[in-house]
Amino acid sequence: TNYADSVKGRFTISRDNAKNTVYLQMNSLKPEDTAV
């Protein structure tokens, strides 16, 4: 895994290879996280 410094400790990326799916768990969200 690789994370931007701004999200380390708050976001967690994971994947399910069998389903070709990736997830992003976002905790402690800040207004600065607003984006597409």
ModelCIF file with pLDDT and N, C-alpha, C, O atoms, coordinates in Angstrom:
data_MODEL
#
_entry.id   MODEL 
#
_entity.id                         1 
_entity.type                       polymer 
_entity.pdbx_number_of_molecules   1 
#
_entity_poly.entity_id                      1 
_entity_poly.type                           'polypeptide(L)' 
_entity_poly.nstd_linkage                   no 
_entity_poly.nstd_monomer                   no 
_entity_poly.pdbx_seq_one_letter_code       TNYADSVKGRFTISRDNAKNTVYLQMNSLKPEDTAV 
_entity_poly.pdbx_seq_one_letter_code_can   TNYADSVKGRFTISRDNAKNTVYLQMNSLKPEDTAV 
_entity_poly.pdbx_strand_id                 A 
#
loop_
_entity_poly_seq.entity_id 
_entity_poly_seq.num 
_entity_poly_seq.mon_id 
_entity_poly_seq.hetero 
1 1  THR n 
1 2  ASN n 
1 3  TYR n 
1 4  ALA n 
1 5  ASP n 
1 6  SER n 
1 7  VAL n 
1 8  LYS n 
1 9  GLY n 
1 10 ARG n 
1 11 PHE n 
1 12 THR n 
1 13 ILE n 
1 14 SER n 
1 15 ARG n 
1 16 ASP n 
1 17 ASN n 
1 18 ALA n 
1 19 LYS n 
1 20 ASN n 
1 21 THR n 
1 22 VAL n 
1 23 TYR n 
1 24 LEU n 
1 25 GLN n 
1 26 MET n 
1 27 ASN n 
1 28 SER n 
1 29 LEU n 
1 30 LYS n 
1 31 PRO n 
1 32 GLU n 
1 33 ASP n 
1 34 THR n 
1 35 ALA n 
1 36 VAL n 
#
_struct_asym.id          A 
_struct_asym.entity_id   1 
#
loop_
_ma_qa_metric.id 
_ma_qa_metric.mode 
_ma_qa_metric.name 
_ma_qa_metric.software_group_id 
_ma_qa_metric.type 
1 global pLDDT . pLDDT 
2 local  pLDDT . pLDDT 
#
_ma_qa_metric_global.metric_id      1 
_ma_qa_metric_global.metric_value   96.94 
_ma_qa_metric_global.model_id       1 
_ma_qa_metric_global.ordinal_id     1 
#
loop_
_ma_qa_metric_local.label_asym_id 
_ma_qa_metric_local.label_comp_id 
_ma_qa_metric_local.label_seq_id 
_ma_qa_metric_local.metric_id 
_ma_qa_metric_local.metric_value 
_ma_qa_metric_local.model_id 
_ma_qa_metric_local.ordinal_id 
A THR 1  2 98.00 1 1  
A ASN 2  2 98.00 1 2  
A TYR 3  2 98.00 1 3  
A ALA 4  2 98.00 1 4  
A ASP 5  2 98.00 1 5  
A SER 6  2 98.00 1 6  
A VAL 7  2 98.00 1 7  
A LYS 8  2 98.00 1 8  
A GLY 9  2 98.00 1 9  
A ARG 10 2 98.00 1 10 
A PHE 11 2 98.00 1 11 
A THR 12 2 98.00 1 12 
A ILE 13 2 98.00 1 13 
A SER 14 2 97.00 1 14 
A ARG 15 2 96.00 1 15 
A ASP 16 2 94.00 1 16 
A ASN 17 2 89.00 1 17 
A ALA 18 2 90.00 1 18 
A LYS 19 2 93.00 1 19 
A ASN 20 2 94.00 1 20 
A THR 21 2 96.00 1 21 
A VAL 22 2 97.00 1 22 
A TYR 23 2 98.00 1 23 
A LEU 24 2 98.00 1 24 
A GLN 25 2 98.00 1 25 
A MET 26 2 98.00 1 26 
A ASN 27 2 98.00 1 27 
A SER 28 2 98.00 1 28 
A LEU 29 2 98.00 1 29 
A LYS 30 2 98.00 1 30 
A PRO 31 2 97.00 1 31 
A GLU 32 2 97.00 1 32 
A ASP 33 2 98.00 1 33 
A THR 34 2 98.00 1 34 
A ALA 35 2 98.00 1 35 
A VAL 36 2 98.00 1 36 
#
loop_
_atom_site.group_PDB 
_atom_site.id 
_atom_site.type_symbol 
_atom_site.label_atom_id 
_atom_site.label_alt_id 
_atom_site.label_comp_id 
_atom_site.label_asym_id 
_atom_site.label_entity_id 
_atom_site.label_seq_id 
_atom_site.pdbx_PDB_ins_code 
_atom_site.Cartn_x 
_atom_site.Cartn_y 
_atom_site.Cartn_z 
_atom_site.occupancy 
_atom_site.B_iso_or_equiv 
_atom_site.pdbx_formal_charge 
_atom_site.auth_seq_id 
_atom_site.auth_comp_id 
_atom_site.auth_asym_id 
_atom_site.auth_atom_id 
_atom_site.pdbx_PDB_model_num 
ATOM 1   N N  . THR A 1 1  ? 0.815   -1.214  0.000  1.00 98.00 ? 1  THR A N  1 
ATOM 2   C CA . THR A 1 1  ? 0.000   0.000   0.000  1.00 98.00 ? 1  THR A CA 1 
ATOM 3   C C  . THR A 1 1  ? 0.845   1.258   0.000  1.00 98.00 ? 1  THR A C  1 
ATOM 4   O O  . THR A 1 1  ? 2.002   1.258   0.420  1.00 98.00 ? 1  THR A O  1 
ATOM 5   N N  . ASN A 1 2  ? 0.237   2.326   -0.481 1.00 98.00 ? 2  ASN A N  1 
ATOM 6   C CA . ASN A 1 2  ? 0.864   3.632   -0.511 1.00 98.00 ? 2  ASN A CA 1 
ATOM 7   C C  . ASN A 1 2  ? -0.215  4.672   -0.242 1.00 98.00 ? 2  ASN A C  1 
ATOM 8   O O  . ASN A 1 2  ? -1.289  4.630   -0.843 1.00 98.00 ? 2  ASN A O  1 
ATOM 9   N N  . TYR A 1 3  ? 0.074   5.616   0.673  1.00 98.00 ? 3  TYR A N  1 
ATOM 10  C CA . TYR A 1 3  ? -0.897  6.634   1.048  1.00 98.00 ? 3  TYR A CA 1 
ATOM 11  C C  . TYR A 1 3  ? -0.312  8.023   0.916  1.00 98.00 ? 3  TYR A C  1 
ATOM 12  O O  . TYR A 1 3  ? 0.881   8.240   1.125  1.00 98.00 ? 3  TYR A O  1 
ATOM 13  N N  . ALA A 1 4  ? -1.175  8.959   0.566  1.00 98.00 ? 4  ALA A N  1 
ATOM 14  C CA . ALA A 1 4  ? -0.795  10.358  0.647  1.00 98.00 ? 4  ALA A CA 1 
ATOM 15  C C  . ALA A 1 4  ? -0.613  10.738  2.113  1.00 98.00 ? 4  ALA A C  1 
ATOM 16  O O  . ALA A 1 4  ? -1.327  10.233  2.980  1.00 98.00 ? 4  ALA A O  1 
ATOM 17  N N  . ASP A 1 5  ? 0.332   11.619  2.390  1.00 98.00 ? 5  ASP A N  1 
ATOM 18  C CA . ASP A 1 5  ? 0.592   12.018  3.770  1.00 98.00 ? 5  ASP A CA 1 
ATOM 19  C C  . ASP A 1 5  ? -0.656  12.596  4.443  1.00 98.00 ? 5  ASP A C  1 
ATOM 20  O O  . ASP A 1 5  ? -0.849  12.420  5.646  1.00 98.00 ? 5  ASP A O  1 
ATOM 21  N N  . SER A 1 6  ? -1.486  13.272  3.683  1.00 98.00 ? 6  SER A N  1 
ATOM 22  C CA . SER A 1 6  ? -2.649  13.936  4.234  1.00 98.00 ? 6  SER A CA 1 
ATOM 23  C C  . SER A 1 6  ? -3.726  12.983  4.746  1.00 98.00 ? 6  SER A C  1 
ATOM 24  O O  . SER A 1 6  ? -4.608  13.396  5.500  1.00 98.00 ? 6  SER A O  1 
ATOM 25  N N  . VAL A 1 7  ? -3.665  11.713  4.344  1.00 98.00 ? 7  VAL A N  1 
ATOM 26  C CA . VAL A 1 7  ? -4.698  10.760  4.751  1.00 98.00 ? 7  VAL A CA 1 
ATOM 27  C C  . VAL A 1 7  ? -4.160  9.623   5.601  1.00 98.00 ? 7  VAL A C  1 
ATOM 28  O O  . VAL A 1 7  ? -4.936  8.785   6.058  1.00 98.00 ? 7  VAL A O  1 
ATOM 29  N N  . LYS A 1 8  ? -2.867  9.571   5.824  1.00 98.00 ? 8  LYS A N  1 
ATOM 30  C CA . LYS A 1 8  ? -2.284  8.504   6.630  1.00 98.00 ? 8  LYS A CA 1 
ATOM 31  C C  . LYS A 1 8  ? -2.864  8.508   8.040  1.00 98.00 ? 8  LYS A C  1 
ATOM 32  O O  . LYS A 1 8  ? -2.978  9.552   8.682  1.00 98.00 ? 8  LYS A O  1 
ATOM 33  N N  . GLY A 1 9  ? -3.226  7.324   8.501  1.00 98.00 ? 9  GLY A N  1 
ATOM 34  C CA . GLY A 1 9  ? -3.816  7.191   9.822  1.00 98.00 ? 9  GLY A CA 1 
ATOM 35  C C  . GLY A 1 9  ? -5.310  7.377   9.845  1.00 98.00 ? 9  GLY A C  1 
ATOM 36  O O  . GLY A 1 9  ? -5.953  7.058   10.845 1.00 98.00 ? 9  GLY A O  1 
ATOM 37  N N  . ARG A 1 10 ? -5.885  7.887   8.765  1.00 98.00 ? 10 ARG A N  1 
ATOM 38  C CA . ARG A 1 10 ? -7.329  8.111   8.696  1.00 98.00 ? 10 ARG A CA 1 
ATOM 39  C C  . ARG A 1 10 ? -8.006  7.231   7.651  1.00 98.00 ? 10 ARG A C  1 
ATOM 40  O O  . ARG A 1 10 ? -9.125  6.760   7.858  1.00 98.00 ? 10 ARG A O  1 
ATOM 41  N N  . PHE A 1 11 ? -7.332  7.013   6.537  1.00 98.00 ? 11 PHE A N  1 
ATOM 42  C CA . PHE A 1 11 ? -7.893  6.219   5.445  1.00 98.00 ? 11 PHE A CA 1 
ATOM 43  C C  . PHE A 1 11 ? -7.206  4.862   5.381  1.00 98.00 ? 11 PHE A C  1 
ATOM 44  O O  . PHE A 1 11 ? -6.024  4.737   5.700  1.00 98.00 ? 11 PHE A O  1 
ATOM 45  N N  . THR A 1 12 ? -7.952  3.855   4.967  1.00 98.00 ? 12 THR A N  1 
ATOM 46  C CA . THR A 1 12 ? -7.401  2.522   4.774  1.00 98.00 ? 12 THR A CA 1 
ATOM 47  C C  . THR A 1 12 ? -7.869  1.963   3.441  1.00 98.00 ? 12 THR A C  1 
ATOM 48  O O  . THR A 1 12 ? -9.069  1.902   3.173  1.00 98.00 ? 12 THR A O  1 
ATOM 49  N N  . ILE A 1 13 ? -6.927  1.556   2.611  1.00 98.00 ? 13 ILE A N  1 
ATOM 50  C CA . ILE A 1 13 ? -7.266  0.944   1.339  1.00 98.00 ? 13 ILE A CA 1 
ATOM 51  C C  . ILE A 1 13 ? -7.150  -0.573  1.475  1.00 98.00 ? 13 ILE A C  1 
ATOM 52  O O  . ILE A 1 13 ? -6.239  -1.079  2.131  1.00 98.00 ? 13 ILE A O  1 
ATOM 53  N N  . SER A 1 14 ? -8.067  -1.280  0.859  1.00 97.00 ? 14 SER A N  1 
ATOM 54  C CA . SER A 1 14 ? -8.048  -2.734  0.880  1.00 97.00 ? 14 SER A CA 1 
ATOM 55  C C  . SER A 1 14 ? -8.596  -3.244  -0.442 1.00 97.00 ? 14 SER A C  1 
ATOM 56  O O  . SER A 1 14 ? -9.151  -2.481  -1.232 1.00 97.00 ? 14 SER A O  1 
ATOM 57  N N  . ARG A 1 15 ? -8.434  -4.538  -0.674 1.00 96.00 ? 15 ARG A N  1 
ATOM 58  C CA . ARG A 1 15 ? -8.922  -5.089  -1.937 1.00 96.00 ? 15 ARG A CA 1 
ATOM 59  C C  . ARG A 1 15 ? -9.394  -6.518  -1.774 1.00 96.00 ? 15 ARG A C  1 
ATOM 60  O O  . ARG A 1 15 ? -8.997  -7.219  -0.844 1.00 96.00 ? 15 ARG A O  1 
ATOM 61  N N  . ASP A 1 16 ? -10.242 -6.936  -2.686 1.00 94.00 ? 16 ASP A N  1 
ATOM 62  C CA . ASP A 1 16 ? -10.689 -8.309  -2.800 1.00 94.00 ? 16 ASP A CA 1 
ATOM 63  C C  . ASP A 1 16 ? -10.310 -8.739  -4.210 1.00 94.00 ? 16 ASP A C  1 
ATOM 64  O O  . ASP A 1 16 ? -11.026 -8.446  -5.167 1.00 94.00 ? 16 ASP A O  1 
ATOM 65  N N  . ASN A 1 17 ? -9.198  -9.426  -4.337 1.00 89.00 ? 17 ASN A N  1 
ATOM 66  C CA . ASN A 1 17 ? -8.691  -9.795  -5.657 1.00 89.00 ? 17 ASN A CA 1 
ATOM 67  C C  . ASN A 1 17 ? -9.660  -10.689 -6.433 1.00 89.00 ? 17 ASN A C  1 
ATOM 68  O O  . ASN A 1 17 ? -9.767  -10.579 -7.654 1.00 89.00 ? 17 ASN A O  1 
ATOM 69  N N  . ALA A 1 18 ? -10.356 -11.562 -5.731 1.00 90.00 ? 18 ALA A N  1 
ATOM 70  C CA . ALA A 1 18 ? -11.292 -12.467 -6.387 1.00 90.00 ? 18 ALA A CA 1 
ATOM 71  C C  . ALA A 1 18 ? -12.446 -11.716 -7.038 1.00 90.00 ? 18 ALA A C  1 
ATOM 72  O O  . ALA A 1 18 ? -13.008 -12.179 -8.031 1.00 90.00 ? 18 ALA A O  1 
ATOM 73  N N  . LYS A 1 19 ? -12.801 -10.560 -6.484 1.00 93.00 ? 19 LYS A N  1 
ATOM 74  C CA . LYS A 1 19 ? -13.901 -9.755  -7.003 1.00 93.00 ? 19 LYS A CA 1 
ATOM 75  C C  . LYS A 1 19 ? -13.428 -8.556  -7.816 1.00 93.00 ? 19 LYS A C  1 
ATOM 76  O O  . LYS A 1 19 ? -14.242 -7.758  -8.282 1.00 93.00 ? 19 LYS A O  1 
ATOM 77  N N  . ASN A 1 20 ? -12.117 -8.428  -7.986 1.00 94.00 ? 20 ASN A N  1 
ATOM 78  C CA . ASN A 1 20 ? -11.540 -7.276  -8.687 1.00 94.00 ? 20 ASN A CA 1 
ATOM 79  C C  . ASN A 1 20 ? -12.076 -5.962  -8.123 1.00 94.00 ? 20 ASN A C  1 
ATOM 80  O O  . ASN A 1 20 ? -12.443 -5.050  -8.864 1.00 94.00 ? 20 ASN A O  1 
ATOM 81  N N  . THR A 1 21 ? -12.111 -5.890  -6.815 1.00 96.00 ? 21 THR A N  1 
ATOM 82  C CA . THR A 1 21 ? -12.705 -4.753  -6.130 1.00 96.00 ? 21 THR A CA 1 
ATOM 83  C C  . THR A 1 21 ? -11.723 -4.138  -5.139 1.00 96.00 ? 21 THR A C  1 
ATOM 84  O O  . THR A 1 21 ? -11.001 -4.847  -4.437 1.00 96.00 ? 21 THR A O  1 
ATOM 85  N N  . VAL A 1 22 ? -11.709 -2.823  -5.094 1.00 97.00 ? 22 VAL A N  1 
ATOM 86  C CA . VAL A 1 22 ? -10.892 -2.094  -4.136 1.00 97.00 ? 22 VAL A CA 1 
ATOM 87  C C  . VAL A 1 22 ? -11.807 -1.227  -3.283 1.00 97.00 ? 22 VAL A C  1 
ATOM 88  O O  . VAL A 1 22 ? -12.828 -0.730  -3.758 1.00 97.00 ? 22 VAL A O  1 
ATOM 89  N N  . TYR A 1 23 ? -11.432 -1.049  -2.013 1.00 98.00 ? 23 TYR A N  1 
ATOM 90  C CA . TYR A 1 23 ? -12.224 -0.275  -1.075 1.00 98.00 ? 23 TYR A CA 1 
ATOM 91  C C  . TYR A 1 23 ? -11.371 0.834   -0.469 1.00 98.00 ? 23 TYR A C  1 
ATOM 92  O O  . TYR A 1 23 ? -10.146 0.730   -0.400 1.00 98.00 ? 23 TYR A O  1 
ATOM 93  N N  . LEU A 1 24 ? -12.032 1.879   -0.039 1.00 98.00 ? 24 LEU A N  1 
ATOM 94  C CA . LEU A 1 24 ? -11.368 2.943   0.693  1.00 98.00 ? 24 LEU A CA 1 
ATOM 95  C C  . LEU A 1 24 ? -12.220 3.289   1.897  1.00 98.00 ? 24 LEU A C  1 
ATOM 96  O O  . LEU A 1 24 ? -13.284 3.894   1.766  1.00 98.00 ? 24 LEU A O  1 
ATOM 97  N N  . GLN A 1 25 ? -11.745 2.899   3.077  1.00 98.00 ? 25 GLN A N  1 
ATOM 98  C CA . GLN A 1 25 ? -12.413 3.241   4.319  1.00 98.00 ? 25 GLN A CA 1 
ATOM 99  C C  . GLN A 1 25 ? -11.876 4.585   4.784  1.00 98.00 ? 25 GLN A C  1 
ATOM 100 O O  . GLN A 1 25 ? -10.682 4.716   5.052  1.00 98.00 ? 25 GLN A O  1 
ATOM 101 N N  . MET A 1 26 ? -12.738 5.573   4.882  1.00 98.00 ? 26 MET A N  1 
ATOM 102 C CA . MET A 1 26 ? -12.351 6.927   5.241  1.00 98.00 ? 26 MET A CA 1 
ATOM 103 C C  . MET A 1 26 ? -12.940 7.273   6.598  1.00 98.00 ? 26 MET A C  1 
ATOM 104 O O  . MET A 1 26 ? -14.158 7.349   6.756  1.00 98.00 ? 26 MET A O  1 
ATOM 105 N N  . ASN A 1 27 ? -12.072 7.480   7.573  1.00 98.00 ? 27 ASN A N  1 
ATOM 106 C CA . ASN A 1 27 ? -12.476 7.843   8.925  1.00 98.00 ? 27 ASN A CA 1 
ATOM 107 C C  . ASN A 1 27 ? -11.974 9.236   9.262  1.00 98.00 ? 27 ASN A C  1 
ATOM 108 O O  . ASN A 1 27 ? -11.082 9.766   8.600  1.00 98.00 ? 27 ASN A O  1 
ATOM 109 N N  . SER A 1 28 ? -12.556 9.821   10.296 1.00 98.00 ? 28 SER A N  1 
ATOM 110 C CA . SER A 1 28 ? -12.155 11.153  10.756 1.00 98.00 ? 28 SER A CA 1 
ATOM 111 C C  . SER A 1 28 ? -12.099 12.144  9.604  1.00 98.00 ? 28 SER A C  1 
ATOM 112 O O  . SER A 1 28 ? -11.124 12.880  9.449  1.00 98.00 ? 28 SER A O  1 
ATOM 113 N N  . LEU A 1 29 ? -13.138 12.155  8.814  1.00 98.00 ? 29 LEU A N  1 
ATOM 114 C CA . LEU A 1 29 ? -13.161 12.992  7.617  1.00 98.00 ? 29 LEU A CA 1 
ATOM 115 C C  . LEU A 1 29 ? -13.129 14.476  7.961  1.00 98.00 ? 29 LEU A C  1 
ATOM 116 O O  . LEU A 1 29 ? -13.714 14.922  8.947  1.00 98.00 ? 29 LEU A O  1 
ATOM 117 N N  . LYS A 1 30 ? -12.433 15.218  7.124  1.00 98.00 ? 30 LYS A N  1 
ATOM 118 C CA . LYS A 1 30 ? -12.279 16.656  7.267  1.00 98.00 ? 30 LYS A CA 1 
ATOM 119 C C  . LYS A 1 30 ? -12.872 17.361  6.052  1.00 98.00 ? 30 LYS A C  1 
ATOM 120 O O  . LYS A 1 30 ? -12.984 16.758  4.984  1.00 98.00 ? 30 LYS A O  1 
ATOM 121 N N  . PRO A 1 31 ? -13.255 18.632  6.199  1.00 97.00 ? 31 PRO A N  1 
ATOM 122 C CA . PRO A 1 31 ? -13.743 19.375  5.036  1.00 97.00 ? 31 PRO A CA 1 
ATOM 123 C C  . PRO A 1 31 ? -12.746 19.378  3.880  1.00 97.00 ? 31 PRO A C  1 
ATOM 124 O O  . PRO A 1 31 ? -13.148 19.419  2.718  1.00 97.00 ? 31 PRO A O  1 
ATOM 125 N N  . GLU A 1 32 ? -11.462 19.336  4.187  1.00 97.00 ? 32 GLU A N  1 
ATOM 126 C CA . GLU A 1 32 ? -10.429 19.314  3.155  1.00 97.00 ? 32 GLU A CA 1 
ATOM 127 C C  . GLU A 1 32 ? -10.453 18.043  2.313  1.00 97.00 ? 32 GLU A C  1 
ATOM 128 O O  . GLU A 1 32 ? -9.832  17.994  1.251  1.00 97.00 ? 32 GLU A O  1 
ATOM 129 N N  . ASP A 1 33 ? -11.159 17.020  2.774  1.00 98.00 ? 33 ASP A N  1 
ATOM 130 C CA . ASP A 1 33 ? -11.279 15.783  2.016  1.00 98.00 ? 33 ASP A CA 1 
ATOM 131 C C  . ASP A 1 33 ? -12.341 15.873  0.927  1.00 98.00 ? 33 ASP A C  1 
ATOM 132 O O  . ASP A 1 33 ? -12.465 14.963  0.108  1.00 98.00 ? 33 ASP A O  1 
ATOM 133 N N  . THR A 1 34 ? -13.097 16.949  0.911  1.00 98.00 ? 34 THR A N  1 
ATOM 134 C CA . THR A 1 34 ? -14.144 17.122  -0.087 1.00 98.00 ? 34 THR A CA 1 
ATOM 135 C C  . THR A 1 34 ? -13.541 17.139  -1.490 1.00 98.00 ? 34 THR A C  1 
ATOM 136 O O  . THR A 1 34 ? -12.652 17.939  -1.783 1.00 98.00 ? 34 THR A O  1 
ATOM 137 N N  . ALA A 1 35 ? -14.027 16.257  -2.345 1.00 98.00 ? 35 ALA A N  1 
ATOM 138 C CA . ALA A 1 35 ? -13.502 16.132  -3.701 1.00 98.00 ? 35 ALA A CA 1 
ATOM 139 C C  . ALA A 1 35 ? -14.287 15.066  -4.446 1.00 98.00 ? 35 ALA A C  1 
ATOM 140 O O  . ALA A 1 35 ? -15.094 14.343  -3.862 1.00 98.00 ? 35 ALA A O  1 
ATOM 141 N N  . VAL A 1 36 ? -14.037 14.984  -5.738 1.00 98.00 ? 36 VAL A N  1 
ATOM 142 C CA . VAL A 1 36 ? -14.500 13.847  -6.505 1.00 98.00 ? 36 VAL A CA 1 
ATOM 143 C C  . VAL A 1 36 ? -13.424 12.781  -6.416 1.00 98.00 ? 36 VAL A C  1 
ATOM 144 O O  . VAL A 1 36 ? -13.575 11.702  -6.990 1.00 98.00 ? 36 VAL A O  1 
#
